[in-house]
Amino acid sequence: MSDFNGRAGGREAAAHQVLTRCPVCGDDLRIVRLECPACGSALQGNFTLGRLARLTREQLQFVEVFIRCRGKIKDVEEELGISYPTVVARLNEVVQAMGFEVRQEDADLAVRRQHILDELAAGTLSAADAASRLRAL
């Protein structure tokens, strides 16, 4: 049995990850009560968790990898075993989920840039030609 503070038999209950979406309708949930576990003080109101709370579990895992790789897309590619365009697409999904605008021309530019770099790596394009094409983007 738990008391009104969510403590089971006077002990602290295990903390669970906060739900951000209503399991019934899918709308955003709001936090209405915050409590200090040390002294029992509580605040009631209408609190949000911020933009990161809008992300799905998979998007948060991607963000963790992206940060761990310090934003180096090549390292994210290697760690997740996915292609450059897939990394860019997932990053764009995260940006949109957080409520920011993703301009299509930015996404297209990233794909074109990677295509040029792939041609350079494959030896089908000289360094001078690759540099010229990259500058023209």
N, C-alpha and C. Protein backbone atom coordinates (compact mmCIF):
# COMPACT_ATOMS: atom_id res chain seq x y z
N MET A 1 0.84 -1.17 0.00
CA MET A 1 0.00 0.00 0.00
C MET A 1 0.89 1.24 0.00
N SER A 2 0.46 2.29 -0.73
CA SER A 2 1.25 3.49 -0.77
C SER A 2 0.50 4.64 -0.11
N ASP A 3 1.28 5.56 0.49
CA ASP A 3 0.64 6.72 1.12
C ASP A 3 0.40 7.80 0.06
N PHE A 4 -0.10 8.95 0.46
CA PHE A 4 -0.46 9.98 -0.51
C PHE A 4 0.74 10.57 -1.24
N ASN A 5 1.95 10.31 -0.80
CA ASN A 5 3.16 10.80 -1.46
C ASN A 5 3.74 9.78 -2.44
N GLY A 6 3.03 8.67 -2.65
CA GLY A 6 3.52 7.66 -3.58
C GLY A 6 4.56 6.75 -2.98
N ARG A 7 4.67 6.76 -1.67
CA ARG A 7 5.66 5.91 -1.01
C ARG A 7 5.00 4.62 -0.59
N ALA A 8 5.63 3.53 -0.88
CA ALA A 8 5.10 2.22 -0.50
C ALA A 8 5.53 1.91 0.92
N GLY A 9 4.58 1.83 1.83
CA GLY A 9 4.89 1.50 3.23
C GLY A 9 5.87 2.46 3.85
N GLY A 10 5.85 3.74 3.43
CA GLY A 10 6.76 4.73 4.01
C GLY A 10 8.11 4.78 3.31
N ARG A 11 8.41 3.84 2.40
CA ARG A 11 9.66 3.83 1.64
C ARG A 11 9.45 4.60 0.33
N GLU A 12 10.54 5.08 -0.22
CA GLU A 12 10.46 5.76 -1.52
C GLU A 12 10.11 4.73 -2.59
N ALA A 13 9.14 5.05 -3.41
CA ALA A 13 8.79 4.21 -4.55
C ALA A 13 9.83 4.42 -5.64
N ALA A 14 10.07 3.39 -6.42
CA ALA A 14 11.04 3.49 -7.52
C ALA A 14 10.56 4.52 -8.53
N ALA A 15 11.47 5.35 -9.02
CA ALA A 15 11.11 6.37 -10.00
C ALA A 15 10.94 5.71 -11.37
N HIS A 16 9.94 6.15 -12.09
CA HIS A 16 9.68 5.65 -13.44
C HIS A 16 9.93 6.78 -14.43
N GLN A 17 10.23 6.39 -15.65
CA GLN A 17 10.40 7.40 -16.69
C GLN A 17 9.05 8.10 -16.89
N VAL A 18 9.09 9.41 -17.05
CA VAL A 18 7.88 10.20 -17.18
C VAL A 18 7.24 9.94 -18.55
N LEU A 19 5.95 9.69 -18.54
CA LEU A 19 5.19 9.59 -19.78
C LEU A 19 4.98 11.01 -20.30
N THR A 20 5.09 11.19 -21.58
CA THR A 20 4.88 12.51 -22.15
C THR A 20 3.64 12.58 -23.03
N ARG A 21 3.10 11.43 -23.39
CA ARG A 21 1.90 11.35 -24.23
C ARG A 21 0.83 10.56 -23.49
N CYS A 22 -0.41 11.00 -23.63
CA CYS A 22 -1.54 10.31 -23.02
C CYS A 22 -1.70 8.94 -23.67
N PRO A 23 -1.75 7.87 -22.89
CA PRO A 23 -1.90 6.54 -23.48
C PRO A 23 -3.29 6.31 -24.07
N VAL A 24 -4.24 7.18 -23.78
CA VAL A 24 -5.60 7.03 -24.30
C VAL A 24 -5.76 7.76 -25.63
N CYS A 25 -5.41 9.08 -25.64
CA CYS A 25 -5.67 9.88 -26.85
C CYS A 25 -4.40 10.33 -27.58
N GLY A 26 -3.22 10.20 -26.96
CA GLY A 26 -1.97 10.57 -27.61
C GLY A 26 -1.59 12.03 -27.47
N ASP A 27 -2.41 12.82 -26.78
CA ASP A 27 -2.11 14.24 -26.59
C ASP A 27 -0.99 14.40 -25.56
N ASP A 28 -0.39 15.60 -25.51
CA ASP A 28 0.67 15.88 -24.54
C ASP A 28 0.14 15.81 -23.12
N LEU A 29 0.93 15.21 -22.22
CA LEU A 29 0.61 15.21 -20.81
C LEU A 29 1.32 16.39 -20.15
N ARG A 30 0.76 16.89 -19.07
CA ARG A 30 1.35 17.97 -18.29
C ARG A 30 1.67 17.44 -16.90
N ILE A 31 2.74 17.93 -16.33
CA ILE A 31 3.07 17.62 -14.95
C ILE A 31 2.40 18.68 -14.10
N VAL A 32 1.66 18.25 -13.07
CA VAL A 32 0.93 19.20 -12.24
C VAL A 32 1.43 19.24 -10.80
N ARG A 33 2.34 18.33 -10.44
CA ARG A 33 2.84 18.32 -9.08
C ARG A 33 4.32 17.90 -9.08
N LEU A 34 5.13 18.66 -8.38
CA LEU A 34 6.54 18.33 -8.18
C LEU A 34 6.77 18.19 -6.69
N GLU A 35 7.55 17.20 -6.29
CA GLU A 35 7.77 16.97 -4.87
C GLU A 35 9.24 16.69 -4.58
N CYS A 36 9.73 17.25 -3.50
CA CYS A 36 11.09 17.00 -3.04
C CYS A 36 11.07 15.71 -2.21
N PRO A 37 11.82 14.70 -2.59
CA PRO A 37 11.82 13.46 -1.82
C PRO A 37 12.51 13.59 -0.46
N ALA A 38 13.37 14.60 -0.31
CA ALA A 38 14.11 14.76 0.94
C ALA A 38 13.25 15.38 2.04
N CYS A 39 12.51 16.43 1.70
CA CYS A 39 11.76 17.12 2.76
C CYS A 39 10.25 17.04 2.60
N GLY A 40 9.80 16.54 1.46
CA GLY A 40 8.37 16.40 1.25
C GLY A 40 7.67 17.65 0.75
N SER A 41 8.41 18.75 0.55
CA SER A 41 7.79 19.95 0.00
C SER A 41 7.26 19.66 -1.39
N ALA A 42 6.16 20.29 -1.73
CA ALA A 42 5.55 20.04 -3.04
C ALA A 42 5.12 21.34 -3.69
N LEU A 43 5.19 21.35 -5.00
CA LEU A 43 4.71 22.47 -5.81
C LEU A 43 3.61 21.92 -6.72
N GLN A 44 2.54 22.65 -6.83
CA GLN A 44 1.49 22.27 -7.76
C GLN A 44 1.35 23.38 -8.77
N GLY A 45 1.13 23.02 -10.01
CA GLY A 45 1.00 23.99 -11.09
C GLY A 45 0.90 23.27 -12.41
N ASN A 46 1.30 23.94 -13.46
CA ASN A 46 1.25 23.38 -14.80
C ASN A 46 2.67 23.47 -15.37
N PHE A 47 3.40 22.35 -15.36
CA PHE A 47 4.80 22.32 -15.74
C PHE A 47 4.99 21.53 -17.03
N THR A 48 5.94 21.94 -17.84
CA THR A 48 6.29 21.17 -19.04
C THR A 48 7.70 20.63 -18.87
N LEU A 49 8.03 19.65 -19.66
CA LEU A 49 9.35 19.04 -19.60
C LEU A 49 10.32 19.60 -20.64
N GLY A 50 9.83 20.41 -21.54
CA GLY A 50 10.70 20.97 -22.57
C GLY A 50 10.66 20.16 -23.85
N ARG A 51 11.42 20.61 -24.80
CA ARG A 51 11.39 20.04 -26.15
C ARG A 51 11.86 18.59 -26.22
N LEU A 52 12.85 18.22 -25.42
CA LEU A 52 13.35 16.84 -25.48
C LEU A 52 12.30 15.82 -25.07
N ALA A 53 11.34 16.24 -24.25
CA ALA A 53 10.29 15.33 -23.81
C ALA A 53 9.35 14.95 -24.95
N ARG A 54 9.40 15.67 -26.04
CA ARG A 54 8.55 15.37 -27.19
C ARG A 54 9.07 14.19 -28.00
N LEU A 55 10.30 13.79 -27.75
CA LEU A 55 10.92 12.74 -28.56
C LEU A 55 10.48 11.35 -28.13
N THR A 56 10.41 10.45 -29.10
CA THR A 56 10.13 9.05 -28.80
C THR A 56 11.38 8.43 -28.17
N ARG A 57 11.23 7.26 -27.62
CA ARG A 57 12.37 6.55 -27.03
C ARG A 57 13.47 6.34 -28.07
N GLU A 58 13.08 5.97 -29.30
CA GLU A 58 14.07 5.74 -30.36
C GLU A 58 14.79 7.03 -30.73
N GLN A 59 14.04 8.13 -30.78
CA GLN A 59 14.67 9.41 -31.09
C GLN A 59 15.63 9.84 -29.99
N LEU A 60 15.27 9.61 -28.74
CA LEU A 60 16.18 9.93 -27.63
C LEU A 60 17.45 9.10 -27.70
N GLN A 61 17.32 7.82 -28.05
CA GLN A 61 18.51 6.98 -28.19
C GLN A 61 19.41 7.50 -29.30
N PHE A 62 18.79 7.95 -30.41
CA PHE A 62 19.57 8.52 -31.50
C PHE A 62 20.30 9.78 -31.03
N VAL A 63 19.60 10.65 -30.30
CA VAL A 63 20.20 11.88 -29.79
C VAL A 63 21.38 11.56 -28.87
N GLU A 64 21.24 10.53 -28.03
CA GLU A 64 22.33 10.14 -27.14
C GLU A 64 23.56 9.72 -27.94
N VAL A 65 23.35 8.93 -29.00
CA VAL A 65 24.47 8.51 -29.85
C VAL A 65 25.07 9.73 -30.54
N PHE A 66 24.22 10.60 -31.06
CA PHE A 66 24.69 11.80 -31.76
C PHE A 66 25.55 12.66 -30.84
N ILE A 67 25.12 12.84 -29.61
CA ILE A 67 25.88 13.64 -28.65
C ILE A 67 27.18 12.92 -28.26
N ARG A 68 27.08 11.62 -28.02
CA ARG A 68 28.28 10.85 -27.66
C ARG A 68 29.33 10.94 -28.78
N CYS A 69 28.86 11.01 -30.03
CA CYS A 69 29.76 11.12 -31.18
C CYS A 69 30.11 12.58 -31.48
N ARG A 70 29.68 13.48 -30.60
CA ARG A 70 29.96 14.91 -30.71
C ARG A 70 29.50 15.50 -32.03
N GLY A 71 28.39 14.97 -32.55
CA GLY A 71 27.80 15.51 -33.77
C GLY A 71 28.51 15.11 -35.05
N LYS A 72 29.46 14.21 -34.96
CA LYS A 72 30.19 13.76 -36.15
C LYS A 72 29.36 12.68 -36.84
N ILE A 73 28.76 13.06 -37.96
CA ILE A 73 27.83 12.16 -38.63
C ILE A 73 28.52 10.86 -39.04
N LYS A 74 29.76 10.94 -39.46
CA LYS A 74 30.50 9.72 -39.86
C LYS A 74 30.59 8.74 -38.68
N ASP A 75 30.82 9.26 -37.47
CA ASP A 75 30.89 8.40 -36.28
C ASP A 75 29.52 7.82 -35.94
N VAL A 76 28.47 8.62 -36.14
CA VAL A 76 27.11 8.12 -35.91
C VAL A 76 26.79 7.00 -36.90
N GLU A 77 27.18 7.20 -38.15
CA GLU A 77 27.01 6.16 -39.18
C GLU A 77 27.61 4.85 -38.72
N GLU A 78 28.87 4.92 -38.28
CA GLU A 78 29.59 3.71 -37.87
C GLU A 78 28.97 3.06 -36.65
N GLU A 79 28.62 3.87 -35.66
CA GLU A 79 28.08 3.30 -34.42
C GLU A 79 26.72 2.64 -34.64
N LEU A 80 25.88 3.25 -35.47
CA LEU A 80 24.54 2.72 -35.68
C LEU A 80 24.46 1.79 -36.90
N GLY A 81 25.52 1.78 -37.72
CA GLY A 81 25.51 0.93 -38.91
C GLY A 81 24.49 1.39 -39.94
N ILE A 82 24.35 2.71 -40.09
CA ILE A 82 23.41 3.27 -41.04
C ILE A 82 24.13 4.24 -41.96
N SER A 83 23.51 4.59 -43.07
CA SER A 83 24.13 5.47 -44.06
C SER A 83 24.01 6.93 -43.67
N TYR A 84 24.81 7.75 -44.34
CA TYR A 84 24.77 9.20 -44.12
C TYR A 84 23.37 9.76 -44.32
N PRO A 85 22.70 9.44 -45.45
CA PRO A 85 21.35 9.98 -45.63
C PRO A 85 20.37 9.55 -44.53
N THR A 86 20.56 8.36 -43.99
CA THR A 86 19.69 7.89 -42.90
C THR A 86 19.96 8.67 -41.63
N VAL A 87 21.23 8.96 -41.34
CA VAL A 87 21.57 9.78 -40.17
C VAL A 87 20.93 11.15 -40.31
N VAL A 88 21.07 11.76 -41.48
CA VAL A 88 20.50 13.09 -41.72
C VAL A 88 18.98 13.05 -41.59
N ALA A 89 18.35 12.01 -42.13
CA ALA A 89 16.89 11.89 -42.05
C ALA A 89 16.45 11.75 -40.60
N ARG A 90 17.16 10.94 -39.81
CA ARG A 90 16.79 10.79 -38.40
C ARG A 90 17.01 12.09 -37.63
N LEU A 91 18.07 12.78 -37.94
CA LEU A 91 18.33 14.06 -37.29
C LEU A 91 17.22 15.06 -37.63
N ASN A 92 16.79 15.07 -38.88
CA ASN A 92 15.69 15.94 -39.28
C ASN A 92 14.39 15.57 -38.57
N GLU A 93 14.15 14.28 -38.36
CA GLU A 93 12.96 13.84 -37.61
C GLU A 93 13.01 14.37 -36.18
N VAL A 94 14.18 14.32 -35.57
CA VAL A 94 14.34 14.83 -34.21
C VAL A 94 14.08 16.34 -34.17
N VAL A 95 14.65 17.05 -35.13
CA VAL A 95 14.48 18.50 -35.19
C VAL A 95 13.00 18.84 -35.32
N GLN A 96 12.29 18.13 -36.19
CA GLN A 96 10.85 18.38 -36.36
C GLN A 96 10.07 18.01 -35.11
N ALA A 97 10.39 16.88 -34.49
CA ALA A 97 9.69 16.44 -33.29
C ALA A 97 9.85 17.45 -32.15
N MET A 98 10.97 18.16 -32.15
CA MET A 98 11.21 19.16 -31.11
C MET A 98 10.52 20.49 -31.42
N GLY A 99 9.85 20.55 -32.57
CA GLY A 99 9.08 21.74 -32.91
C GLY A 99 9.82 22.76 -33.74
N PHE A 100 10.97 22.40 -34.26
CA PHE A 100 11.73 23.30 -35.11
C PHE A 100 11.44 22.99 -36.58
N GLU A 101 11.68 23.97 -37.42
CA GLU A 101 11.44 23.78 -38.85
C GLU A 101 12.64 23.12 -39.50
N VAL A 102 12.37 22.16 -40.38
CA VAL A 102 13.42 21.55 -41.19
C VAL A 102 13.19 22.01 -42.62
N ARG A 103 14.13 22.78 -43.11
CA ARG A 103 14.01 23.24 -44.49
C ARG A 103 14.45 22.12 -45.42
N GLN A 104 13.65 21.83 -46.41
CA GLN A 104 13.92 20.73 -47.33
C GLN A 104 15.23 20.96 -48.07
N GLU A 105 15.54 22.23 -48.40
CA GLU A 105 16.78 22.48 -49.13
C GLU A 105 18.01 22.10 -48.29
N ASP A 106 17.93 22.24 -46.96
CA ASP A 106 19.04 21.82 -46.10
C ASP A 106 19.23 20.32 -46.15
N ALA A 107 18.13 19.58 -46.12
CA ALA A 107 18.20 18.12 -46.18
C ALA A 107 18.75 17.67 -47.52
N ASP A 108 18.28 18.30 -48.61
CA ASP A 108 18.75 17.94 -49.94
C ASP A 108 20.23 18.26 -50.11
N LEU A 109 20.66 19.40 -49.57
CA LEU A 109 22.06 19.80 -49.66
C LEU A 109 22.96 18.79 -48.96
N ALA A 110 22.55 18.30 -47.82
CA ALA A 110 23.35 17.32 -47.08
C ALA A 110 23.50 16.03 -47.89
N VAL A 111 22.45 15.61 -48.55
CA VAL A 111 22.50 14.39 -49.36
C VAL A 111 23.42 14.60 -50.57
N ARG A 112 23.32 15.76 -51.23
CA ARG A 112 24.18 16.04 -52.39
C ARG A 112 25.65 16.11 -51.97
N ARG A 113 25.91 16.73 -50.81
CA ARG A 113 27.28 16.83 -50.31
C ARG A 113 27.86 15.43 -50.06
N GLN A 114 27.06 14.57 -49.44
CA GLN A 114 27.54 13.22 -49.15
C GLN A 114 27.78 12.43 -50.44
N HIS A 115 26.94 12.64 -51.43
CA HIS A 115 27.12 11.94 -52.71
C HIS A 115 28.47 12.31 -53.33
N ILE A 116 28.83 13.58 -53.28
CA ILE A 116 30.12 14.03 -53.81
C ILE A 116 31.26 13.39 -53.03
N LEU A 117 31.14 13.35 -51.70
CA LEU A 117 32.18 12.75 -50.87
C LEU A 117 32.29 11.24 -51.13
N ASP A 118 31.17 10.59 -51.36
CA ASP A 118 31.19 9.16 -51.68
C ASP A 118 31.90 8.90 -53.00
N GLU A 119 31.65 9.75 -54.00
CA GLU A 119 32.33 9.62 -55.29
C GLU A 119 33.83 9.82 -55.12
N LEU A 120 34.22 10.79 -54.30
CA LEU A 120 35.64 11.04 -54.02
C LEU A 120 36.27 9.82 -53.36
N ALA A 121 35.59 9.27 -52.37
CA ALA A 121 36.11 8.10 -51.66
C ALA A 121 36.22 6.88 -52.57
N ALA A 122 35.30 6.76 -53.52
CA ALA A 122 35.31 5.62 -54.44
C ALA A 122 36.34 5.80 -55.55
N GLY A 123 36.91 7.00 -55.66
CA GLY A 123 37.92 7.25 -56.68
C GLY A 123 37.34 7.61 -58.04
N THR A 124 36.06 7.84 -58.10
CA THR A 124 35.44 8.21 -59.38
C THR A 124 35.43 9.72 -59.60
N LEU A 125 35.96 10.47 -58.62
CA LEU A 125 36.00 11.92 -58.70
C LEU A 125 37.33 12.38 -58.12
N SER A 126 37.99 13.29 -58.80
CA SER A 126 39.27 13.81 -58.29
C SER A 126 39.03 14.76 -57.14
N ALA A 127 40.06 14.99 -56.35
CA ALA A 127 39.94 15.90 -55.21
C ALA A 127 39.61 17.32 -55.69
N ALA A 128 40.23 17.73 -56.78
CA ALA A 128 39.97 19.08 -57.31
C ALA A 128 38.52 19.21 -57.78
N ASP A 129 38.03 18.18 -58.47
CA ASP A 129 36.64 18.22 -58.94
C ASP A 129 35.67 18.19 -57.76
N ALA A 130 35.97 17.37 -56.75
CA ALA A 130 35.11 17.30 -55.56
C ALA A 130 35.08 18.64 -54.85
N ALA A 131 36.24 19.27 -54.70
CA ALA A 131 36.30 20.57 -54.03
C ALA A 131 35.49 21.60 -54.81
N SER A 132 35.61 21.58 -56.12
CA SER A 132 34.88 22.52 -56.97
C SER A 132 33.37 22.30 -56.84
N ARG A 133 32.94 21.06 -56.86
CA ARG A 133 31.51 20.75 -56.75
C ARG A 133 30.97 21.10 -55.37
N LEU A 134 31.77 20.89 -54.33
CA LEU A 134 31.35 21.23 -52.98
C LEU A 134 31.21 22.75 -52.81
N ARG A 135 32.14 23.49 -53.38
CA ARG A 135 32.07 24.96 -53.31
C ARG A 135 30.83 25.47 -54.06
N ALA A 136 30.44 24.79 -55.13
CA ALA A 136 29.30 25.22 -55.94
C ALA A 136 27.96 24.97 -55.22
N LEU A 137 27.99 24.12 -54.21
CA LEU A 137 26.75 23.87 -53.48
C LEU A 137 26.42 25.09 -52.71
